[in-house]
Protein backbone atom coordinates (compact mmCIF):
# COMPACT_ATOMS: atom_id res chain seq x y z
CA MET A 1 -18.65 1.05 -12.01
CA GLN A 2 -15.22 0.82 -10.63
CA LYS A 3 -14.01 3.85 -8.37
CA TYR A 4 -10.37 4.49 -7.41
CA PHE A 5 -9.48 6.98 -4.59
CA GLY A 6 -5.90 7.87 -4.30
CA LEU A 7 -3.83 8.57 -1.20
CA LYS A 8 -2.40 12.15 -1.15
CA LYS A 9 -0.66 14.20 1.52
CA TYR A 10 -1.56 12.17 4.54
CA GLY A 11 0.85 11.08 7.37
CA LYS A 12 2.25 7.56 7.42
CA ARG A 13 0.77 6.81 10.74
CA PHE A 14 -2.77 7.84 9.45
CA LYS A 15 -2.41 5.91 6.36
CA GLN A 16 -1.36 2.74 8.21
CA THR A 17 -4.44 3.09 10.48
CA ILE A 18 -6.80 3.42 7.79
CA VAL A 19 -5.19 0.54 5.85
CA SER A 20 -5.39 -1.64 8.99
CA LEU A 21 -9.09 -0.69 9.38
CA LEU A 22 -10.00 -1.64 5.74
CA ALA A 23 -7.93 -4.77 5.74
CA PHE A 24 -9.91 -6.21 8.49
CA LEU A 25 -13.29 -5.06 7.03
CA LEU A 26 -12.62 -7.81 4.42
CA VAL A 27 -15.53 -10.15 4.99
CA PHE A 28 -19.05 -8.75 4.70
CA SER A 29 -22.45 -10.40 4.25
CA GLY A 30 -25.18 -9.41 1.85
CA VAL A 31 -26.53 -9.61 -1.50
CA ALA A 32 -24.02 -9.08 -4.39
CA PRO A 33 -20.17 -8.79 -4.65
CA SER A 34 -18.21 -5.90 -6.14
CA THR A 35 -17.87 -6.35 -9.96
CA VAL A 36 -14.27 -5.55 -9.93
CA LEU A 37 -11.22 -5.46 -7.53
CA GLN A 38 -12.33 -2.42 -5.50
CA THR A 39 -9.78 0.02 -3.82
CA VAL A 40 -11.07 2.13 -0.96
CA HIS A 41 -8.51 4.48 0.56
CA ALA A 42 -8.14 6.96 3.25
CA GLU A 43 -9.79 10.00 1.70
CA THR A 44 -13.24 8.25 1.50
CA ALA A 45 -12.84 5.60 4.17
CA PRO A 46 -16.14 5.57 6.12
CA PRO A 47 -16.17 5.32 9.93
CA THR A 48 -16.20 1.94 11.31
CA ASN A 49 -19.96 2.08 12.34
CA THR A 50 -20.90 3.31 8.93
CA ALA A 51 -18.91 0.54 7.22
CA VAL A 52 -20.62 -2.04 9.20
CA THR A 53 -24.06 -0.68 8.47
CA GLN A 54 -23.41 -0.82 4.74
CA ALA A 55 -22.15 -4.24 5.14
CA LYS A 56 -25.54 -5.38 6.33
CA ASN A 57 -27.15 -4.34 2.98
CA LYS A 58 -24.57 -5.56 0.43
CA MET A 59 -21.51 -7.50 0.12
CA LEU A 60 -18.28 -5.30 -0.06
CA THR A 61 -14.77 -6.40 -1.03
CA TYR A 62 -11.99 -4.37 0.24
CA LYS A 63 -8.61 -4.99 -1.68
CA PHE A 64 -5.42 -4.62 0.50
CA ASP A 65 -2.92 -3.55 -1.98
CA ASN A 66 -0.07 -2.31 0.04
CA PHE A 67 2.37 -5.19 0.68
CA SER A 68 5.18 -2.91 1.87
CA SER A 69 7.24 -4.52 4.53
CA ASP A 70 6.00 -2.07 7.22
CA ALA A 71 2.42 -2.66 6.39
CA VAL A 72 2.58 -6.45 6.27
CA SER A 73 4.41 -6.79 9.58
CA GLN A 74 1.80 -4.49 11.20
CA LEU A 75 -1.28 -6.38 9.81
CA PHE A 76 -0.09 -10.07 9.25
CA THR A 77 1.38 -12.86 11.07
CA LEU A 78 4.15 -14.29 8.72
CA ASN A 79 4.88 -17.93 9.02
CA ASP A 80 7.90 -20.06 7.74
CA ALA A 81 9.44 -18.52 4.42
CA ALA A 82 6.85 -15.75 3.83
CA GLU A 83 8.29 -12.28 3.47
CA VAL A 84 8.21 -9.11 1.49
CA PRO A 85 11.41 -9.24 -0.68
CA GLY A 86 13.50 -6.17 -0.22
CA GLY A 87 12.03 -2.96 -1.81
CA ALA A 88 8.99 -4.99 -3.11
CA ASN A 89 5.34 -4.27 -2.79
CA PHE A 90 4.14 -7.81 -2.94
CA LEU A 91 4.02 -10.74 -0.41
CA ARG A 92 6.16 -13.77 -1.47
CA LEU A 93 4.94 -16.91 0.29
CA THR A 94 7.85 -19.08 -0.90
CA PRO A 95 10.94 -18.62 -3.08
CA ALA A 96 11.58 -21.07 -5.98
CA SER A 97 13.57 -23.39 -3.62
CA THR A 98 12.76 -27.06 -2.79
CA LEU A 99 10.87 -28.04 0.40
CA LYS A 100 9.74 -24.55 1.41
CA CYS A 101 6.49 -23.37 2.89
CA GLY A 102 5.07 -20.04 3.78
CA ALA A 103 1.94 -18.49 5.00
CA ALA A 104 0.44 -15.08 6.04
CA PHE A 105 -2.74 -14.52 8.10
CA THR A 106 -4.46 -11.47 9.55
CA LYS A 107 -3.42 -10.62 12.95
CA ASN A 108 -6.92 -9.39 13.83
CA GLU A 109 -9.87 -11.71 13.92
CA ILE A 110 -12.80 -11.41 11.53
CA CYS A 111 -16.15 -11.76 13.00
CA SER A 112 -18.85 -13.70 11.04
CA LYS A 113 -21.91 -12.04 9.59
CA ASN A 114 -24.97 -13.56 8.06
CA ASN A 115 -24.03 -17.24 8.20
CA TYR A 116 -20.39 -16.58 7.30
CA SER A 117 -21.28 -15.03 3.90
CA PHE A 118 -18.18 -13.37 2.41
CA SER A 119 -16.60 -12.14 -0.70
CA THR A 120 -12.87 -11.60 -1.43
CA ALA A 121 -10.50 -11.03 -4.18
CA PHE A 122 -6.86 -11.26 -4.76
CA SER A 123 -4.17 -11.48 -7.45
CA PHE A 124 -1.31 -13.97 -7.55
CA LYS A 125 1.56 -15.28 -9.57
CA MET A 126 3.24 -18.56 -9.54
CA SER A 127 6.57 -18.53 -11.62
CA ASN A 128 10.18 -19.60 -11.99
CA PRO A 129 9.42 -23.35 -11.91
CA SER A 130 12.38 -25.81 -11.48
CA PRO A 131 13.75 -27.49 -14.55
CA SER A 132 11.82 -30.61 -13.48
CA GLY A 133 8.63 -28.62 -13.23
CA ALA A 134 6.42 -26.59 -10.85
CA SER A 135 5.12 -27.20 -7.40
CA ASP A 136 3.21 -27.10 -5.30
CA GLY A 137 0.55 -24.18 -5.20
CA LEU A 138 -1.05 -21.70 -2.92
CA THR A 139 -4.38 -21.27 -1.08
CA PHE A 140 -6.49 -18.81 0.33
CA THR A 141 -7.52 -20.00 3.83
CA ILE A 142 -9.62 -18.93 6.75
CA GLN A 143 -9.01 -20.49 10.08
CA GLY A 144 -9.17 -20.10 13.73
CA GLY A 145 -5.51 -19.11 14.39
CA THR A 146 -2.65 -17.43 12.70
CA SER A 147 -0.22 -20.30 12.17
CA SER A 148 0.44 -22.40 9.32
CA SER A 149 0.84 -26.24 9.48
CA HIS A 150 4.64 -25.67 8.71
CA THR A 151 4.46 -28.56 5.99
CA ASN A 152 5.94 -28.53 2.54
CA GLY A 153 4.90 -30.58 -0.62
CA GLY A 154 1.44 -31.40 -1.74
CA SER A 155 -0.20 -30.28 1.68
CA LEU A 156 0.05 -26.75 0.48
CA ASN A 157 0.98 -25.77 4.27
CA PHE A 158 -2.58 -26.06 5.48
CA TYR A 159 -2.52 -29.80 6.45
CA GLY A 160 -4.48 -30.50 9.76
CA ILE A 161 -5.45 -26.97 10.49
CA LYS A 162 -8.75 -27.03 12.29
CA PRO A 163 -11.06 -25.28 11.97
CA SER A 164 -10.43 -24.17 8.48
CA PHE A 165 -11.81 -23.67 5.09
CA THR A 166 -9.51 -23.48 2.00
CA VAL A 167 -9.46 -22.76 -1.59
CA LYS A 168 -6.63 -24.37 -3.32
CA TYR A 169 -4.72 -23.26 -6.57
CA ASP A 170 -2.71 -26.34 -7.18
CA THR A 171 0.16 -26.97 -9.51
CA PHE A 172 1.25 -30.47 -9.00
CA LEU A 173 -0.25 -33.88 -9.33
CA ASN A 174 -0.45 -35.59 -5.99
CA THR A 175 -2.27 -38.89 -6.60
CA ASP A 176 -2.53 -39.81 -2.98
CA TYR A 177 -4.60 -36.48 -2.56
CA ARG A 178 -6.75 -37.62 -5.47
CA ASP A 179 -5.45 -34.56 -7.54
CA PRO A 180 -7.25 -34.44 -11.03
CA SER A 181 -4.24 -32.74 -12.52
CA ALA A 182 -1.21 -30.42 -12.00
CA ASN A 183 -3.36 -27.45 -12.78
CA TYR A 184 -6.76 -27.36 -10.74
CA ILE A 185 -8.71 -25.28 -8.33
CA GLY A 186 -10.43 -27.11 -5.44
CA LEU A 187 -11.82 -26.81 -1.97
CA ALA A 188 -10.80 -28.22 1.50
CA LYS A 189 -12.09 -28.08 5.03
CA ASN A 190 -10.48 -28.67 8.40
CA GLY A 191 -6.95 -29.23 6.96
CA ASN A 192 -7.87 -32.31 4.83
CA PRO A 193 -5.95 -32.07 1.45
CA VAL A 194 -7.67 -35.09 -0.07
CA ASN A 195 -9.92 -33.95 -2.91
CA GLN A 196 -13.66 -34.60 -2.51
CA PRO A 197 -15.81 -35.51 -5.55
CA GLY A 198 -17.37 -32.20 -6.99
CA TRP A 199 -15.22 -29.92 -4.95
CA TYR A 200 -12.67 -29.14 -7.74
CA THR A 201 -12.18 -28.13 -11.33
CA ASP A 202 -9.47 -29.54 -13.61
CA LEU A 203 -8.33 -26.43 -15.50
CA ASN A 204 -6.85 -28.52 -18.23
CA GLN A 205 -10.26 -29.88 -18.90
CA TYR A 206 -11.92 -26.56 -18.43
CA ASN A 207 -9.57 -25.08 -20.93
CA THR A 208 -10.58 -27.66 -23.54
CA ASN A 209 -14.36 -27.21 -22.98
CA ASN A 210 -14.29 -23.37 -22.86
CA GLY A 211 -11.44 -22.27 -25.22
CA THR A 212 -9.47 -20.72 -22.18
CA ASN A 213 -5.78 -21.09 -21.42
CA TYR A 214 -5.59 -21.01 -17.61
CA ALA A 215 -2.09 -22.50 -16.59
CA LEU A 216 -1.59 -21.48 -12.97
CA SER A 217 2.18 -22.08 -13.00
CA ASN A 218 3.02 -20.22 -16.06
CA GLY A 219 3.99 -16.82 -14.56
CA THR A 220 0.83 -15.09 -15.55
CA GLN A 221 -0.72 -12.70 -12.90
CA TYR A 222 -4.03 -14.19 -12.23
CA TYR A 223 -7.12 -12.59 -10.54
CA THR A 224 -9.52 -14.45 -8.57
CA TRP A 225 -12.70 -13.99 -6.77
CA ILE A 226 -14.20 -16.19 -3.99
CA ASP A 227 -17.83 -15.63 -3.09
CA TYR A 228 -19.40 -17.65 -0.24
CA ASP A 229 -23.22 -17.38 0.17
CA GLY A 230 -23.96 -18.71 3.73
CA LEU A 231 -27.58 -18.79 3.43
CA ARG A 232 -27.37 -20.93 0.15
CA GLN A 233 -24.26 -22.72 1.46
CA ASN A 234 -22.59 -22.09 -1.87
CA VAL A 235 -19.09 -21.39 -2.84
CA GLN A 236 -18.18 -19.80 -6.28
CA VAL A 237 -14.62 -19.13 -7.59
CA LEU A 238 -13.90 -16.95 -10.51
CA LEU A 239 -10.58 -16.70 -12.38
CA GLY A 240 -9.27 -14.14 -14.88
CA THR A 241 -6.15 -12.26 -16.22
CA SER A 242 -7.65 -8.84 -15.66
CA PRO A 243 -8.71 -7.08 -12.53
CA ASP A 244 -12.33 -6.52 -14.17
CA ARG A 245 -14.57 -9.19 -12.76
CA ALA A 246 -16.81 -8.96 -15.73
CA SER A 247 -14.03 -10.68 -17.92
CA ALA A 248 -13.39 -13.56 -15.39
CA LYS A 249 -14.77 -17.02 -15.69
CA LYS A 250 -16.65 -19.00 -13.07
CA VAL A 251 -14.50 -22.09 -12.67
CA LEU A 252 -16.00 -23.53 -9.41
CA ASP A 253 -19.48 -23.58 -8.27
CA VAL A 254 -20.11 -25.91 -5.16
CA GLY A 255 -23.10 -26.31 -2.88
CA ASN A 256 -23.47 -27.89 0.50
CA ILE A 257 -20.52 -26.08 2.12
CA ASP A 258 -21.50 -25.09 5.63
CA LEU A 259 -19.00 -22.69 7.19
CA GLY A 260 -21.35 -22.42 10.28
CA THR A 261 -20.67 -25.99 11.17
CA ILE A 262 -17.00 -25.73 10.56
CA PHE A 263 -16.51 -22.57 12.71
CA ASN A 264 -19.46 -22.84 15.07
CA GLY A 265 -20.18 -19.18 15.49
CA GLN A 266 -16.43 -18.29 16.25
CA PRO A 267 -14.38 -15.55 14.48
CA TYR A 268 -11.53 -16.45 12.14
CA HIS A 269 -8.33 -15.13 10.58
CA ALA A 270 -7.91 -14.98 6.72
CA GLY A 271 -4.82 -15.53 4.71
CA PHE A 272 -2.60 -17.56 2.30
CA THR A 273 -0.56 -20.59 2.45
CA ALA A 274 1.85 -22.16 0.00
CA SER A 275 4.58 -24.72 -0.43
CA THR A 276 7.17 -26.44 -2.67
CA GLY A 277 8.18 -29.93 -3.09
CA SER A 278 11.46 -31.65 -4.36
CA PRO A 279 12.70 -31.60 -7.06
CA ASN A 280 10.04 -29.18 -8.24
CA ALA A 281 9.50 -25.76 -6.91
CA GLU A 282 8.35 -22.35 -8.03
CA THR A 283 7.69 -18.83 -6.47
CA HIS A 284 4.31 -18.17 -4.83
CA ASP A 285 3.52 -14.54 -4.82
CA ILE A 286 0.32 -12.51 -3.70
CA ASN A 287 0.39 -9.19 -5.45
CA SER A 288 -2.82 -7.44 -4.36
CA TRP A 289 -5.81 -8.33 -2.05
């Protein structure tokens, strides 16, 4: 059952401190992920030690949903064109301009637990495509640092980043990267954008087979869940148009993904990257995490 706890009459500094704590309790190991995007705010936030103890018993997902300019500057390292537009409460990785790139990563490191097992969820929107079409997409990436690759086009701004693990939400067909279509979700490691067999799902084909209508660049706000089981070395990605996980579809299920080998026991930073090409472009927005 989903539970929401609102912020009431707390001071700004206290709220920022609690949000900071929760944002970096993102990754937990355990048994089963939350069934919905879960918001935990200041009124019920557990002490740090309690949260860590709970994390050993089950997988929790904290949703960071305050993308105000002050909160983002406090918690994230922004790269390239990434910003919070004036007065907005979402993170814009790129505008709908050609040859742009953007990224945002947590300033604090996240320590691994239980073979790097984690669960996370966020919502995103890719919209305002150029008359020639959309490009290029966004990613959720975990990596050893906080910098992007500063690359536009089909690299999605994660090219060459090591160590790293990436989930791609791609909206442009790059044949040199073996893209299956201009509408797919795939995995990558250590900054290599070339698709590996079995590491992606062509959403056009998925729609045909399952009666869905997933079109990543059509301006819909999508919700996605990423679960990594480090013991089984398995990654699952769910996609939906509602914050209720139960209504989402499992669009990707890949085994033999060993984050332990990639990160070799080291902590990492989590965040997002995106890029546009030319003449195609689109906005890439993260609305909640």
